[in-house]
Structure formats: C-alpha cells, structure tokens
C-alpha cells in the first residue's frame, strides 16, 4: 500500500481511508476495469459464430488501455 500511495502522490493512510486493505483496493481496480470492458462490449454488435465472437471479445479486452 505504501508503494501505491507513493506512486499516486498520497500517504498510505489516505488509501486506507477508502480501502480497508490491499484486497479491497485490488477488487476496486478490477471492478472498474470489468465495468469499462462491459461498457465497451455493450457498444459493439458482435457477429459471426461463437468462436469469432469470442475472439472479438478477447481482442477488445487486450486492446484496452
């Protein structure tokens, strides 16, 4: 948490005010990422067979910034 705080220009205590521990912080980051991916997928119309759609989903996931 200290390294994260240093990288963000915060104190570790500032992070602990919002997240109880490292797992909670990682869950929040993952949730944000999955919400962003879900929004990207919702904007696209996937066509083709199952394999083609799965490949397109994987490409969308890998192309995220």
PDB file of N, CA and C in Angstrom:
ATOM      1  N   UNK A   1       0.825  -1.180   0.000  1.00  0.00           N
ATOM      2  CA  UNK A   1       0.000   0.000   0.000  1.00  0.00           C
ATOM      3  C   UNK A   1       0.880   1.258   0.000  1.00  0.00           C
ATOM      4  N   UNK A   2       2.017   1.172   0.655  1.00  0.00           N
ATOM      5  CA  UNK A   2       2.907   2.342   0.666  1.00  0.00           C
ATOM      6  C   UNK A   2       3.420   2.666  -0.730  1.00  0.00           C
ATOM      7  N   UNK A   3       3.778   1.631  -1.484  1.00  0.00           N
ATOM      8  CA  UNK A   3       4.263   1.866  -2.853  1.00  0.00           C
ATOM      9  C   UNK A   3       3.160   2.450  -3.735  1.00  0.00           C
ATOM     10  N   UNK A   4       1.949   1.966  -3.570  1.00  0.00           N
ATOM     11  CA  UNK A   4       0.811   2.511  -4.326  1.00  0.00           C
ATOM     12  C   UNK A   4       0.601   3.965  -3.945  1.00  0.00           C
ATOM     13  N   UNK A   5       0.633   4.236  -2.661  1.00  0.00           N
ATOM     14  CA  UNK A   5       0.444   5.609  -2.188  1.00  0.00           C
ATOM     15  C   UNK A   5       1.536   6.523  -2.728  1.00  0.00           C
ATOM     16  N   UNK A   6       2.774   6.071  -2.682  1.00  0.00           N
ATOM     17  CA  UNK A   6       3.884   6.878  -3.214  1.00  0.00           C
ATOM     18  C   UNK A   6       3.686   7.165  -4.699  1.00  0.00           C
ATOM     19  N   UNK A   7       3.292   6.152  -5.458  1.00  0.00           N
ATOM     20  CA  UNK A   7       3.093   6.323  -6.899  1.00  0.00           C
ATOM     21  C   UNK A   7       1.943   7.284  -7.193  1.00  0.00           C
ATOM     22  N   UNK A   8       0.951   7.309  -6.308  1.00  0.00           N
ATOM     23  CA  UNK A   8      -0.209   8.183  -6.507  1.00  0.00           C
ATOM     24  C   UNK A   8      -0.007   9.556  -5.874  1.00  0.00           C
ATOM     25  N   UNK A   9       1.104   9.732  -5.174  1.00  0.00           N
ATOM     26  CA  UNK A   9       1.362  11.008  -4.515  1.00  0.00           C
ATOM     27  C   UNK A   9       0.503  11.211  -3.275  1.00  0.00           C
ATOM     28  N   UNK A  10       0.191  10.113  -2.595  1.00  0.00           N
ATOM     29  CA  UNK A  10      -0.636  10.151  -1.391  1.00  0.00           C
ATOM     30  C   UNK A  10       0.106   9.504  -0.228  1.00  0.00           C
ATOM     31  N   UNK A  11      -0.502   9.587   0.932  1.00  0.00           N
ATOM     32  CA  UNK A  11       0.016   8.827   2.062  1.00  0.00           C
ATOM     33  C   UNK A  11      -0.719   7.493   2.107  1.00  0.00           C
ATOM     34  N   UNK A  12      -0.101   6.500   2.713  1.00  0.00           N
ATOM     35  CA  UNK A  12      -0.761   5.196   2.844  1.00  0.00           C
ATOM     36  C   UNK A  12      -2.058   5.339   3.625  1.00  0.00           C
ATOM     37  N   UNK A  13      -2.072   6.210   4.621  1.00  0.00           N
ATOM     38  CA  UNK A  13      -3.295   6.398   5.418  1.00  0.00           C
ATOM     39  C   UNK A  13      -4.440   6.941   4.573  1.00  0.00           C
ATOM     40  N   UNK A  14      -4.132   7.742   3.562  1.00  0.00           N
ATOM     41  CA  UNK A  14      -5.187   8.260   2.681  1.00  0.00           C
ATOM     42  C   UNK A  14      -5.857   7.110   1.937  1.00  0.00           C
ATOM     43  N   UNK A  15      -5.083   6.138   1.515  1.00  0.00           N
ATOM     44  CA  UNK A  15      -5.660   4.981   0.829  1.00  0.00           C
ATOM     45  C   UNK A  15      -6.483   4.148   1.793  1.00  0.00           C
ATOM     46  N   UNK A  16      -5.976   3.959   3.004  1.00  0.00           N
ATOM     47  CA  UNK A  16      -6.698   3.156   3.994  1.00  0.00           C
ATOM     48  C   UNK A  16      -8.021   3.812   4.416  1.00  0.00           C
ATOM     49  N   UNK A  17      -8.180   5.101   4.207  1.00  0.00           N
ATOM     50  CA  UNK A  17      -9.468   5.741   4.494  1.00  0.00           C
ATOM     51  C   UNK A  17     -10.546   5.259   3.538  1.00  0.00           C
ATOM     52  N   UNK A  18     -10.127   4.829   2.344  1.00  0.00           N
ATOM     53  CA  UNK A  18     -11.085   4.407   1.324  1.00  0.00           C
ATOM     54  C   UNK A  18     -11.147   2.887   1.147  1.00  0.00           C
ATOM     55  N   UNK A  19     -10.047   2.200   1.436  1.00  0.00           N
ATOM     56  CA  UNK A  19      -9.975   0.750   1.245  1.00  0.00           C
ATOM     57  C   UNK A  19      -9.403   0.120   2.501  1.00  0.00           C
ATOM     58  N   UNK A  20     -10.071  -0.897   3.021  1.00  0.00           N
ATOM     59  CA  UNK A  20      -9.657  -1.472   4.307  1.00  0.00           C
ATOM     60  C   UNK A  20      -8.335  -2.225   4.231  1.00  0.00           C
ATOM     61  N   UNK A  21      -8.024  -2.761   3.014  1.00  0.00           N
ATOM     62  CA  UNK A  21      -6.762  -3.488   2.856  1.00  0.00           C
ATOM     63  C   UNK A  21      -6.420  -3.619   1.377  1.00  0.00           C
ATOM     64  N   UNK A  22      -5.327  -4.291   1.117  1.00  0.00           N
ATOM     65  CA  UNK A  22      -4.840  -4.456  -0.261  1.00  0.00           C
ATOM     66  C   UNK A  22      -5.874  -5.166  -1.129  1.00  0.00           C
ATOM     67  N   UNK A  23      -6.514  -6.199  -0.583  1.00  0.00           N
ATOM     68  CA  UNK A  23      -7.514  -6.954  -1.349  1.00  0.00           C
ATOM     69  C   UNK A  23      -8.668  -6.054  -1.769  1.00  0.00           C
ATOM     70  N   UNK A  24      -9.115  -5.181  -0.881  1.00  0.00           N
ATOM     71  CA  UNK A  24     -10.214  -4.275  -1.214  1.00  0.00           C
ATOM     72  C   UNK A  24      -9.807  -3.305  -2.320  1.00  0.00           C
ATOM     73  N   UNK A  25      -8.571  -2.819  -2.270  1.00  0.00           N
ATOM     74  CA  UNK A  25      -8.074  -1.935  -3.323  1.00  0.00           C
ATOM     75  C   UNK A  25      -8.007  -2.667  -4.659  1.00  0.00           C
ATOM     76  N   UNK A  26      -7.463  -3.880  -4.653  1.00  0.00           N
ATOM     77  CA  UNK A  26      -7.370  -4.657  -5.891  1.00  0.00           C
ATOM     78  C   UNK A  26      -8.744  -4.995  -6.445  1.00  0.00           C
ATOM     79  N   UNK A  27      -9.700  -5.305  -5.582  1.00  0.00           N
ATOM     80  CA  UNK A  27     -11.066  -5.579  -6.032  1.00  0.00           C
ATOM     81  C   UNK A  27     -11.683  -4.352  -6.684  1.00  0.00           C
ATOM     82  N   UNK A  28     -11.445  -3.187  -6.122  1.00  0.00           N
ATOM     83  CA  UNK A  28     -11.989  -1.953  -6.694  1.00  0.00           C
ATOM     84  C   UNK A  28     -11.385  -1.685  -8.073  1.00  0.00           C
ATOM     85  N   UNK A  29     -10.087  -1.895  -8.209  1.00  0.00           N
ATOM     86  CA  UNK A  29      -9.426  -1.701  -9.500  1.00  0.00           C
ATOM     87  C   UNK A  29      -9.977  -2.700 -10.525  1.00  0.00           C
ATOM     88  N   UNK A  30     -10.116  -3.953 -10.126  1.00  0.00           N
ATOM     89  CA  UNK A  30     -10.648  -4.978 -11.033  1.00  0.00           C
ATOM     90  C   UNK A  30     -12.085  -4.661 -11.424  1.00  0.00           C
ATOM     91  N   UNK A  31     -12.905  -4.260 -10.463  1.00  0.00           N
ATOM     92  CA  UNK A  31     -14.299  -3.923 -10.764  1.00  0.00           C
ATOM     93  C   UNK A  31     -14.386  -2.781 -11.772  1.00  0.00           C
ATOM     94  N   UNK A  32     -13.568  -1.763 -11.580  1.00  0.00           N
ATOM     95  CA  UNK A  32     -13.566  -0.643 -12.530  1.00  0.00           C
ATOM     96  C   UNK A  32     -13.184  -1.123 -13.928  1.00  0.00           C
ATOM     97  N   UNK A  33     -12.191  -1.972 -14.004  1.00  0.00           N
ATOM     98  CA  UNK A  33     -11.758  -2.500 -15.296  1.00  0.00           C
ATOM     99  C   UNK A  33     -12.831  -3.331 -15.973  1.00  0.00           C
ATOM    100  N   UNK A  34     -13.501  -4.181 -15.198  1.00  0.00           N
ATOM    101  CA  UNK A  34     -14.553  -5.008 -15.783  1.00  0.00           C
ATOM    102  C   UNK A  34     -15.767  -4.174 -16.191  1.00  0.00           C
ATOM    103  N   UNK A  35     -16.080  -3.123 -15.435  1.00  0.00           N
ATOM    104  CA  UNK A  35     -17.176  -2.237 -15.826  1.00  0.00           C
ATOM    105  C   UNK A  35     -16.852  -1.520 -17.137  1.00  0.00           C
ATOM    106  N   UNK A  36     -15.611  -1.094 -17.282  1.00  0.00           N
ATOM    107  CA  UNK A  36     -15.180  -0.451 -18.521  1.00  0.00           C
ATOM    108  C   UNK A  36     -15.260  -1.430 -19.695  1.00  0.00           C
ATOM    109  N   UNK A  37     -14.814  -2.655 -19.478  1.00  0.00           N
ATOM    110  CA  UNK A  37     -14.883  -3.673 -20.522  1.00  0.00           C
ATOM    111  C   UNK A  37     -16.334  -3.980 -20.875  1.00  0.00           C
ATOM    112  N   UNK A  38     -17.202  -4.100 -19.888  1.00  0.00           N
ATOM    113  CA  UNK A  38     -18.615  -4.379 -20.142  1.00  0.00           C
ATOM    114  C   UNK A  38     -19.252  -3.258 -20.950  1.00  0.00           C
ATOM    115  N   UNK A  39     -18.894  -2.014 -20.665  1.00  0.00           N
ATOM    116  CA  UNK A  39     -19.426  -0.882 -21.426  1.00  0.00           C
ATOM    117  C   UNK A  39     -18.938  -0.930 -22.869  1.00  0.00           C
ATOM    118  N   UNK A  40     -17.684  -1.281 -23.072  1.00  0.00           N
ATOM    119  CA  UNK A  40     -17.138  -1.408 -24.425  1.00  0.00           C
ATOM    120  C   UNK A  40     -17.875  -2.502 -25.191  1.00  0.00           C
ATOM    121  N   UNK A  41     -18.090  -3.621 -24.557  1.00  0.00           N
ATOM    122  CA  UNK A  41     -18.786  -4.741 -25.196  1.00  0.00           C
ATOM    123  C   UNK A  41     -20.225  -4.352 -25.529  1.00  0.00           C
ATOM    124  N   UNK A  42     -20.874  -3.626 -24.624  1.00  0.00           N
ATOM    125  CA  UNK A  42     -22.266  -3.227 -24.841  1.00  0.00           C
ATOM    126  C   UNK A  42     -22.409  -2.308 -26.052  1.00  0.00           C
ATOM    127  N   UNK A  43     -21.380  -1.540 -26.369  1.00  0.00           N
ATOM    128  CA  UNK A  43     -21.430  -0.627 -27.513  1.00  0.00           C
ATOM    129  C   UNK A  43     -21.196  -1.332 -28.847  1.00  0.00           C
ATOM    130  N   UNK A  44     -20.690  -2.535 -28.808  1.00  0.00           N
ATOM    131  CA  UNK A  44     -20.358  -3.274 -30.030  1.00  0.00           C
ATOM    132  C   UNK A  44     -21.451  -4.292 -30.341  1.00  0.00           C
ATOM    133  N   UNK A  45     -21.630  -4.530 -31.607  1.00  0.00           N
ATOM    134  CA  UNK A  45     -22.525  -5.610 -32.033  1.00  0.00           C
ATOM    135  C   UNK A  45     -21.650  -6.716 -32.589  1.00  0.00           C
ATOM    136  N   UNK A  46     -21.580  -7.808 -31.874  1.00  0.00           N
ATOM    137  CA  UNK A  46     -20.724  -8.910 -32.281  1.00  0.00           C
ATOM    138  C   UNK A  46     -21.486  -9.822 -33.234  1.00  0.00           C
ATOM    139  N   UNK A  47     -20.847 -10.143 -34.335  1.00  0.00           N
ATOM    140  CA  UNK A  47     -21.455 -11.030 -35.313  1.00  0.00           C
ATOM    141  C   UNK A  47     -20.530 -12.214 -35.547  1.00  0.00           C
ATOM    142  N   UNK A  48     -21.035 -13.197 -36.218  1.00  0.00           N
ATOM    143  CA  UNK A  48     -20.244 -14.380 -36.521  1.00  0.00           C
ATOM    144  C   UNK A  48     -20.604 -15.523 -35.606  1.00  0.00           C
ATOM    145  N   UNK A  49     -19.908 -16.622 -35.797  1.00  0.00           N
ATOM    146  CA  UNK A  49     -20.165 -17.784 -34.948  1.00  0.00           C
ATOM    147  C   UNK A  49     -19.546 -17.567 -33.565  1.00  0.00           C
ATOM    148  N   UNK A  50     -19.733 -18.534 -32.697  1.00  0.00           N
ATOM    149  CA  UNK A  50     -19.275 -18.409 -31.320  1.00  0.00           C
ATOM    150  C   UNK A  50     -17.783 -18.111 -31.244  1.00  0.00           C
ATOM    151  N   UNK A  51     -16.992 -18.848 -32.021  1.00  0.00           N
ATOM    152  CA  UNK A  51     -15.542 -18.662 -31.977  1.00  0.00           C
ATOM    153  C   UNK A  51     -15.152 -17.255 -32.425  1.00  0.00           C
ATOM    154  N   UNK A  52     -15.762 -16.744 -33.469  1.00  0.00           N
ATOM    155  CA  UNK A  52     -15.450 -15.402 -33.963  1.00  0.00           C
ATOM    156  C   UNK A  52     -15.824 -14.340 -32.919  1.00  0.00           C
ATOM    157  N   UNK A  53     -16.975 -14.509 -32.282  1.00  0.00           N
ATOM    158  CA  UNK A  53     -17.396 -13.545 -31.245  1.00  0.00           C
ATOM    159  C   UNK A  53     -16.446 -13.602 -30.052  1.00  0.00           C
ATOM    160  N   UNK A  54     -16.025 -14.795 -29.676  1.00  0.00           N
ATOM    161  CA  UNK A  54     -15.099 -14.952 -28.555  1.00  0.00           C
ATOM    162  C   UNK A  54     -13.759 -14.293 -28.864  1.00  0.00           C
ATOM    163  N   UNK A  55     -13.290 -14.455 -30.087  1.00  0.00           N
ATOM    164  CA  UNK A  55     -12.033 -13.812 -30.495  1.00  0.00           C
ATOM    165  C   UNK A  55     -12.181 -12.291 -30.442  1.00  0.00           C
ATOM    166  N   UNK A  56     -13.308 -11.769 -30.903  1.00  0.00           N
ATOM    167  CA  UNK A  56     -13.536 -10.319 -30.856  1.00  0.00           C
ATOM    168  C   UNK A  56     -13.562  -9.817 -29.414  1.00  0.00           C
ATOM    169  N   UNK A  57     -14.195 -10.583 -28.525  1.00  0.00           N
ATOM    170  CA  UNK A  57     -14.210 -10.206 -27.104  1.00  0.00           C
ATOM    171  C   UNK A  57     -12.792 -10.171 -26.538  1.00  0.00           C
ATOM    172  N   UNK A  58     -11.996 -11.168 -26.878  1.00  0.00           N
ATOM    173  CA  UNK A  58     -10.615 -11.221 -26.391  1.00  0.00           C
ATOM    174  C   UNK A  58      -9.820 -10.024 -26.928  1.00  0.00           C
ATOM    175  N   UNK A  59     -10.021  -9.698 -28.186  1.00  0.00           N
ATOM    176  CA  UNK A  59      -9.320  -8.544 -28.762  1.00  0.00           C
ATOM    177  C   UNK A  59      -9.722  -7.251 -28.074  1.00  0.00           C
ATOM    178  N   UNK A  60     -11.014  -7.080 -27.773  1.00  0.00           N
ATOM    179  CA  UNK A  60     -11.459  -5.886 -27.059  1.00  0.00           C
ATOM    180  C   UNK A  60     -10.793  -5.811 -25.690  1.00  0.00           C
ATOM    181  N   UNK A  61     -10.701  -6.952 -25.016  1.00  0.00           N
ATOM    182  CA  UNK A  61     -10.081  -6.982 -23.697  1.00  0.00           C
ATOM    183  C   UNK A  61      -8.603  -6.607 -23.787  1.00  0.00           C
ATOM    184  N   UNK A  62      -7.907  -7.162 -24.759  1.00  0.00           N
ATOM    185  CA  UNK A  62      -6.472  -6.920 -24.885  1.00  0.00           C
ATOM    186  C   UNK A  62      -6.149  -5.517 -25.400  1.00  0.00           C
ATOM    187  N   UNK A  63      -7.077  -4.910 -26.145  1.00  0.00           N
ATOM    188  CA  UNK A  63      -6.836  -3.586 -26.708  1.00  0.00           C
ATOM    189  C   UNK A  63      -7.131  -2.446 -25.735  1.00  0.00           C
ATOM    190  N   UNK A  64      -7.649  -2.787 -24.553  1.00  0.00           N
ATOM    191  CA  UNK A  64      -7.954  -1.731 -23.579  1.00  0.00           C
ATOM    192  C   UNK A  64      -6.678  -1.065 -23.121  1.00  0.00           C
ATOM    193  N   UNK A  65      -6.748   0.248 -22.866  1.00  0.00           N
ATOM    194  CA  UNK A  65      -5.542   0.965 -22.375  1.00  0.00           C
ATOM    195  C   UNK A  65      -5.156   0.557 -20.971  1.00  0.00           C
TER     196      UNK A  65
END
